[in-house]
Amino acid sequence: MYCYKRLSILSPLALFLLLAFGHALAAEERFLVFGRVHDDPVAAIKHRQGFVDYIAKKLAPLGITGGRILVVEKMHLLARAIKEGKVDLFHDSVVPTMVLSKWSGSVPILRQWKYGEAEYYGVILVRKNSGIDTLTDLKGKVIAFDEPHSTSAHILPRMLLAEKKLKLVQVISPGGTKPNMVGFVHNHDGESLHLLVTGRVDAAATSYRELKGLRPEIQDGLRVIASTRSVPRLLISVRKDFDPKIVAALREISINMDKDPEGQAALKGQQSTTKIDEVPPGSLEQLRDIERFVFSSLGKQVDSW
C-alpha cells in the first residue's frame, strides 16, 4: 500500500525560499565515496561502513559531510567510476590495485595490515607422496589456481612458473595435459586446496596464511615446492585528481587510526586490520613489475575482470 500526502499550496516567495534553501543544502553535501568490487553489496557495505564513516567524520573540517560506499560487480566498472570522479578511494590486494591503477590512474598511497599482516606471499603445494619435487616436475600435470585476479593464489605463483619458462594451458576440468605443458584450472577462493587434498589436481596455489590455517593432519600431507615474493597485504588508493589537501589529511588520519580506540574498532571490522602505514620504499616499482606481467601475460583476459 502506498501513502500519499496532499501538497500544501505555497506562496511564490515561500516556494522560492524553499527551493533556494534546498539547493544550498544539496550544494553543501560532500560525501567521501569508497569503491568496492563485490558480488554481495550488503556484505560489502556492512563490513566497511564503520571504516568509511570514521574517516569521513575526521575529514569534516575539510567539508566532508559523510561517507558512502559504491559497490560494483566488476573491476572495469569501478575503474570507470574512479575516472568519472564518482569514487574517491578504495582498497584491495596488489593485483586488483595495479590493474585499477592502469585503467583509471588511481594512486596507491597506503598499506593496510589485513589480518594483522603487513605483507604476505603465495606458495605452490603438492601432496607429499606425489613425486613432484620442483616446479619443472609440473610438466604434464595440472595446478589449481584461485580466481584470475588473486594475487597470492594465481598471479604471483604464475610468475614463478613463467620464470622457469613453463608453458601454461587452461584445461576445462582437472585431468591430464600435454607432457611439455602445465595445465591449470581456476576456482573460487579456497577451492584449490580442496581439489589438491582430494587428489583431483596435482598442485595448488594459495597463500601461506591459508596453508597454516588448515588442520594439522591435512598440512602434514602437503609440501611446499615454491614460495613467491612478499607483497603488501592490502593497499589503499585514491583517484588521481582527488583534492591534495584531503589526500594529505586522509593519510594522517589513516596512519593514526590504531592509536584511537574508535579508530581501532573501525580497523578491526576491516578483516581484523591492526594498522595502516606508508607503502615501503621501493615497493611501488615491484608492484609495477607485477602490473606489467599481468597485462603482458593475460592480455584481453583482464578486460573481463
Protein backbone atom coordinates (compact mmCIF):
# COMPACT_ATOMS: atom_id res chain seq x y z
CA MET A 1 0.00 0.00 0.00
CA TYR A 2 1.24 3.46 -0.86
CA CYS A 3 0.50 6.52 1.23
CA TYR A 4 0.26 9.95 -0.37
CA LYS A 5 0.11 13.35 1.31
CA ARG A 6 -1.51 16.40 -0.20
CA LEU A 7 0.97 19.15 -1.01
CA SER A 8 0.33 22.47 0.69
CA ILE A 9 -0.12 25.47 -1.57
CA LEU A 10 2.86 27.78 -1.12
CA SER A 11 3.19 31.43 -2.00
CA PRO A 12 5.70 32.28 -4.76
CA LEU A 13 8.07 33.75 -2.16
CA ALA A 14 7.85 30.71 0.12
CA LEU A 15 8.41 28.40 -2.84
CA PHE A 16 11.45 30.40 -3.91
CA LEU A 17 12.94 30.30 -0.42
CA LEU A 18 12.30 26.56 -0.12
CA LEU A 19 13.97 25.80 -3.44
CA ALA A 20 16.89 28.11 -2.75
CA PHE A 21 17.44 26.66 0.73
CA GLY A 22 17.16 23.13 -0.64
CA HIS A 23 19.74 23.80 -3.33
CA ALA A 24 22.08 25.33 -0.75
CA LEU A 25 21.86 22.22 1.42
CA ALA A 26 22.49 19.99 -1.59
CA ALA A 27 25.47 22.11 -2.59
CA GLU A 28 26.97 21.78 0.89
CA GLU A 29 26.86 17.98 0.85
CA ARG A 30 30.22 16.46 0.03
CA PHE A 31 30.47 12.74 0.56
CA LEU A 32 33.63 10.66 0.77
CA VAL A 33 32.90 7.74 -1.58
CA PHE A 34 34.62 4.40 -1.09
CA GLY A 35 34.53 1.94 -4.00
CA ARG A 36 34.38 -1.83 -3.72
CA VAL A 37 34.15 -4.75 -6.17
CA HIS A 38 31.91 -7.40 -4.65
CA ASP A 39 29.04 -9.68 -5.65
CA ASP A 40 27.26 -9.10 -2.32
CA PRO A 41 26.61 -5.36 -1.82
CA VAL A 42 25.02 -5.85 1.60
CA ALA A 43 28.09 -7.66 2.97
CA ALA A 44 30.50 -5.23 1.29
CA ILE A 45 28.81 -2.23 2.88
CA LYS A 46 28.30 -3.87 6.27
CA HIS A 47 31.98 -4.70 6.66
CA ARG A 48 33.29 -1.29 5.55
CA GLN A 49 30.76 1.34 6.58
CA GLY A 50 32.31 1.85 10.02
CA PHE A 51 35.73 2.38 8.42
CA VAL A 52 34.40 4.90 5.90
CA ASP A 53 32.27 6.72 8.49
CA TYR A 54 35.26 7.13 10.80
CA ILE A 55 37.43 8.69 8.09
CA ALA A 56 34.58 10.88 6.82
CA LYS A 57 33.92 12.22 10.33
CA LYS A 58 37.60 13.07 10.77
CA LEU A 59 37.55 14.87 7.40
CA ALA A 60 34.61 17.08 8.41
CA PRO A 61 36.85 20.17 8.89
CA LEU A 62 37.65 19.93 5.17
CA GLY A 63 34.00 19.91 4.16
CA ILE A 64 33.25 16.17 4.07
CA THR A 65 29.68 15.65 5.30
CA GLY A 66 29.53 11.85 5.32
CA GLY A 67 30.76 8.58 3.87
CA ARG A 68 29.22 6.36 1.23
CA ILE A 69 30.18 3.04 -0.37
CA LEU A 70 29.69 2.29 -4.05
CA VAL A 71 29.63 -1.46 -4.78
CA VAL A 72 30.03 -2.82 -8.32
CA GLU A 73 30.35 -6.36 -9.66
CA LYS A 74 33.36 -5.92 -11.93
CA MET A 75 36.70 -4.15 -11.71
CA HIS A 76 36.25 -2.33 -15.03
CA LEU A 77 33.06 -0.75 -13.62
CA LEU A 78 34.97 0.52 -10.59
CA ALA A 79 37.69 1.89 -12.89
CA ARG A 80 35.05 3.83 -14.81
CA ALA A 81 33.56 5.24 -11.59
CA ILE A 82 37.03 6.33 -10.43
CA LYS A 83 37.76 8.07 -13.75
CA GLU A 84 34.39 9.84 -13.62
CA GLY A 85 35.10 11.11 -10.09
CA LYS A 86 32.30 9.06 -8.54
CA VAL A 87 34.71 7.14 -6.28
CA ASP A 88 37.39 8.80 -4.16
CA LEU A 89 39.25 5.84 -2.67
CA PHE A 90 39.27 2.06 -2.43
CA HIS A 91 41.37 -0.75 -1.01
CA ASP A 92 42.30 -4.11 -2.47
CA SER A 93 45.12 -6.60 -2.80
CA VAL A 94 48.07 -5.91 -5.08
CA VAL A 95 46.85 -7.29 -8.42
CA PRO A 96 43.40 -5.60 -8.47
CA THR A 97 45.04 -2.40 -7.19
CA MET A 98 47.57 -2.30 -10.02
CA VAL A 99 45.00 -3.21 -12.68
CA LEU A 100 42.74 -0.41 -11.47
CA SER A 101 45.73 1.94 -11.43
CA LYS A 102 46.45 1.08 -15.06
CA TRP A 103 42.84 1.57 -16.10
CA SER A 104 41.90 4.63 -14.04
CA GLY A 105 45.12 6.33 -13.00
CA SER A 106 44.38 5.71 -9.31
CA VAL A 107 47.36 6.07 -6.96
CA PRO A 108 48.28 3.63 -4.14
CA ILE A 109 49.14 5.70 -1.07
CA LEU A 110 48.99 3.44 1.99
CA ARG A 111 49.46 -0.15 3.16
CA GLN A 112 46.75 -1.82 5.23
CA TRP A 113 47.62 -4.65 7.63
CA LYS A 114 44.84 -7.13 6.84
CA TYR A 115 44.53 -9.93 9.40
CA GLY A 116 47.38 -8.21 11.20
CA GLU A 117 49.80 -8.93 8.33
CA ALA A 118 51.85 -6.18 6.74
CA GLU A 119 52.82 -8.43 3.83
CA TYR A 120 52.04 -11.91 2.57
CA TYR A 121 53.14 -14.37 -0.08
CA GLY A 122 51.92 -17.32 -2.07
CA VAL A 123 53.04 -20.93 -2.12
CA ILE A 124 52.70 -23.81 -4.56
CA LEU A 125 51.75 -27.04 -2.83
CA VAL A 126 51.75 -30.72 -3.77
CA ARG A 127 50.90 -33.88 -1.88
CA LYS A 128 53.92 -35.38 -0.12
CA ASN A 129 53.55 -38.70 -1.90
CA SER A 130 53.12 -37.14 -5.37
CA GLY A 131 56.72 -37.50 -6.54
CA ILE A 132 56.71 -33.83 -7.52
CA ASP A 133 59.78 -32.07 -6.10
CA THR A 134 60.30 -28.98 -8.27
CA LEU A 135 58.32 -26.64 -10.49
CA THR A 136 59.75 -28.35 -13.57
CA ASP A 137 58.15 -31.59 -12.39
CA LEU A 138 54.76 -29.96 -13.00
CA LYS A 139 55.09 -30.54 -16.75
CA GLY A 140 52.23 -32.76 -17.81
CA LYS A 141 50.44 -32.05 -14.53
CA VAL A 142 47.55 -29.77 -13.51
CA ILE A 143 47.72 -26.95 -10.97
CA ALA A 144 44.69 -25.28 -9.38
CA PHE A 145 44.65 -21.50 -9.03
CA ASP A 146 42.07 -19.36 -7.26
CA GLU A 147 40.25 -16.59 -9.13
CA PRO A 148 42.17 -14.95 -12.02
CA HIS A 149 42.71 -11.66 -10.15
CA SER A 150 44.02 -13.39 -7.00
CA THR A 151 47.42 -12.03 -6.01
CA SER A 152 48.77 -14.87 -3.85
CA ALA A 153 46.84 -17.77 -5.39
CA HIS A 154 47.28 -17.01 -9.08
CA ILE A 155 49.42 -14.15 -10.33
CA LEU A 156 52.44 -14.46 -8.01
CA PRO A 157 52.61 -18.29 -8.40
CA ARG A 158 52.11 -17.89 -12.13
CA MET A 159 55.10 -15.54 -12.21
CA LEU A 160 57.21 -18.32 -10.66
CA LEU A 161 56.17 -20.71 -13.42
CA ALA A 162 56.95 -18.09 -16.06
CA GLU A 163 60.43 -17.61 -14.60
CA LYS A 164 61.01 -21.33 -15.17
CA LYS A 165 59.83 -20.93 -18.80
CA LEU A 166 56.95 -23.33 -18.17
CA LYS A 167 54.08 -23.09 -20.65
CA LEU A 168 50.60 -22.93 -19.18
CA VAL A 169 47.38 -24.12 -20.79
CA GLN A 170 43.93 -23.84 -19.25
CA VAL A 171 42.01 -27.09 -19.03
CA ILE A 172 38.24 -27.40 -18.73
CA SER A 173 38.36 -29.72 -15.74
CA PRO A 174 41.05 -31.36 -13.59
CA GLY A 175 42.87 -34.03 -15.55
CA GLY A 176 45.93 -34.68 -17.67
CA THR A 177 47.55 -32.26 -20.11
CA LYS A 178 50.30 -32.35 -22.71
CA PRO A 179 53.68 -33.60 -21.40
CA ASN A 180 55.51 -30.34 -22.19
CA MET A 181 52.90 -28.05 -20.61
CA VAL A 182 51.37 -27.30 -17.24
CA GLY A 183 47.59 -27.43 -17.19
CA PHE A 184 45.63 -25.16 -14.88
CA VAL A 185 42.11 -24.57 -13.62
CA HIS A 186 40.59 -21.58 -11.83
CA ASN A 187 38.41 -21.81 -8.73
CA HIS A 188 36.79 -19.63 -6.12
CA ASP A 189 38.82 -18.78 -3.02
CA GLY A 190 39.75 -21.86 -1.02
CA GLU A 191 38.58 -24.46 -3.54
CA SER A 192 42.05 -25.06 -4.99
CA LEU A 193 43.28 -26.64 -1.77
CA HIS A 194 40.24 -28.89 -1.67
CA LEU A 195 40.97 -30.13 -5.21
CA LEU A 196 44.57 -30.89 -4.22
CA VAL A 197 43.73 -32.67 -0.99
CA THR A 198 41.09 -34.81 -2.72
CA GLY A 199 43.53 -35.78 -5.48
CA ARG A 200 41.76 -34.09 -8.38
CA VAL A 201 44.75 -31.87 -9.25
CA ASP A 202 48.49 -32.36 -8.86
CA ALA A 203 49.32 -28.98 -7.30
CA ALA A 204 47.61 -25.91 -5.89
CA ALA A 205 48.50 -22.27 -5.36
CA THR A 206 47.43 -20.46 -2.22
CA SER A 207 48.70 -18.00 0.38
CA TYR A 208 50.97 -19.20 3.16
CA ARG A 209 48.34 -17.98 5.62
CA GLU A 210 45.71 -20.27 4.07
CA LEU A 211 48.13 -23.20 4.30
CA LYS A 212 48.76 -22.57 8.00
CA GLY A 213 45.02 -22.35 8.57
CA LEU A 214 44.49 -25.98 7.54
CA ARG A 215 44.08 -28.69 10.13
CA PRO A 216 47.47 -30.16 11.19
CA GLU A 217 46.68 -33.61 9.74
CA ILE A 218 45.97 -32.03 6.34
CA GLN A 219 49.09 -29.87 6.45
CA ASP A 220 51.16 -32.97 7.21
CA GLY A 221 50.13 -34.49 3.89
CA LEU A 222 51.25 -31.46 1.84
CA ARG A 223 54.60 -30.00 0.84
CA VAL A 224 55.65 -26.56 -0.40
CA ILE A 225 57.74 -26.76 -3.58
CA ALA A 226 57.98 -23.00 -4.21
CA SER A 227 57.27 -19.68 -2.49
CA THR A 228 56.59 -16.33 -4.15
CA ARG A 229 57.88 -12.88 -3.34
CA SER A 230 56.22 -10.99 -0.48
CA VAL A 231 53.93 -8.07 -1.28
CA PRO A 232 51.80 -5.62 0.76
CA ARG A 233 48.75 -7.36 2.21
CA LEU A 234 46.35 -4.62 1.14
CA LEU A 235 46.71 -1.22 -0.48
CA ILE A 236 44.61 1.91 -0.12
CA SER A 237 44.40 4.01 -3.30
CA VAL A 238 42.85 7.35 -4.26
CA ARG A 239 41.75 8.76 -7.60
CA LYS A 240 44.49 10.78 -9.24
CA ASP A 241 42.56 14.08 -9.22
CA PHE A 242 41.40 13.88 -5.60
CA ASP A 243 41.88 17.11 -3.62
CA PRO A 244 45.52 17.06 -2.37
CA LYS A 245 44.50 18.60 0.96
CA ILE A 246 42.01 15.81 1.57
CA VAL A 247 44.55 13.19 0.48
CA ALA A 248 47.11 14.57 2.95
CA ALA A 249 44.55 14.55 5.75
CA LEU A 250 43.38 11.06 4.76
CA ARG A 251 46.93 9.76 5.07
CA GLU A 252 47.39 11.26 8.53
CA ILE A 253 44.00 10.05 9.78
CA SER A 254 44.56 6.52 8.49
CA ILE A 255 48.08 6.18 9.88
CA ASN A 256 46.86 7.25 13.32
CA MET A 257 43.71 5.13 13.47
CA ASP A 258 45.36 2.42 15.57
CA LYS A 259 46.15 5.00 18.27
CA ASP A 260 42.47 5.90 18.76
CA PRO A 261 40.03 3.41 20.42
CA GLU A 262 37.29 4.37 17.96
CA GLY A 263 39.74 4.00 15.10
CA GLN A 264 40.87 0.61 16.40
CA ALA A 265 37.27 -0.60 16.35
CA ALA A 266 36.81 0.63 12.78
CA LEU A 267 40.01 -1.14 11.72
CA LYS A 268 39.07 -4.39 13.42
CA GLY A 269 35.87 -4.55 11.38
CA GLN A 270 38.06 -4.49 8.29
CA GLN A 271 39.08 -8.16 8.33
CA SER A 272 40.97 -7.72 11.60
CA THR A 273 43.16 -4.89 10.36
CA THR A 274 45.59 -3.77 13.06
CA LYS A 275 47.12 -0.69 11.45
CA ILE A 276 47.69 1.35 8.31
CA ASP A 277 51.09 2.70 7.35
CA GLU A 278 53.12 4.03 4.43
CA VAL A 279 53.91 1.82 1.45
CA PRO A 280 57.54 0.71 1.99
CA PRO A 281 60.15 2.47 -0.18
CA GLY A 282 60.86 0.53 -3.35
CA SER A 283 57.62 -1.45 -3.20
CA LEU A 284 55.84 0.54 -5.89
CA GLU A 285 58.38 -0.38 -8.56
CA GLN A 286 57.96 -4.04 -7.63
CA LEU A 287 54.20 -3.57 -7.94
CA ARG A 288 54.60 -2.03 -11.38
CA ASP A 289 56.56 -5.15 -12.35
CA ILE A 290 53.56 -7.26 -11.34
CA GLU A 291 51.26 -4.95 -13.30
CA ARG A 292 53.37 -5.39 -16.44
CA PHE A 293 53.30 -9.15 -16.03
CA VAL A 294 49.51 -9.21 -15.72
CA PHE A 295 48.88 -7.25 -18.88
CA SER A 296 51.62 -8.88 -20.95
CA SER A 297 50.74 -12.44 -19.94
CA LEU A 298 46.95 -12.34 -19.73
CA GLY A 299 46.20 -9.78 -22.40
CA LYS A 300 42.50 -9.31 -23.13
CA GLN A 301 41.54 -11.79 -20.39
CA VAL A 302 41.94 -8.90 -17.97
CA ASP A 303 39.15 -6.98 -19.73
CA SER A 304 36.58 -9.38 -18.26
CA TRP A 305 37.60 -8.64 -14.66
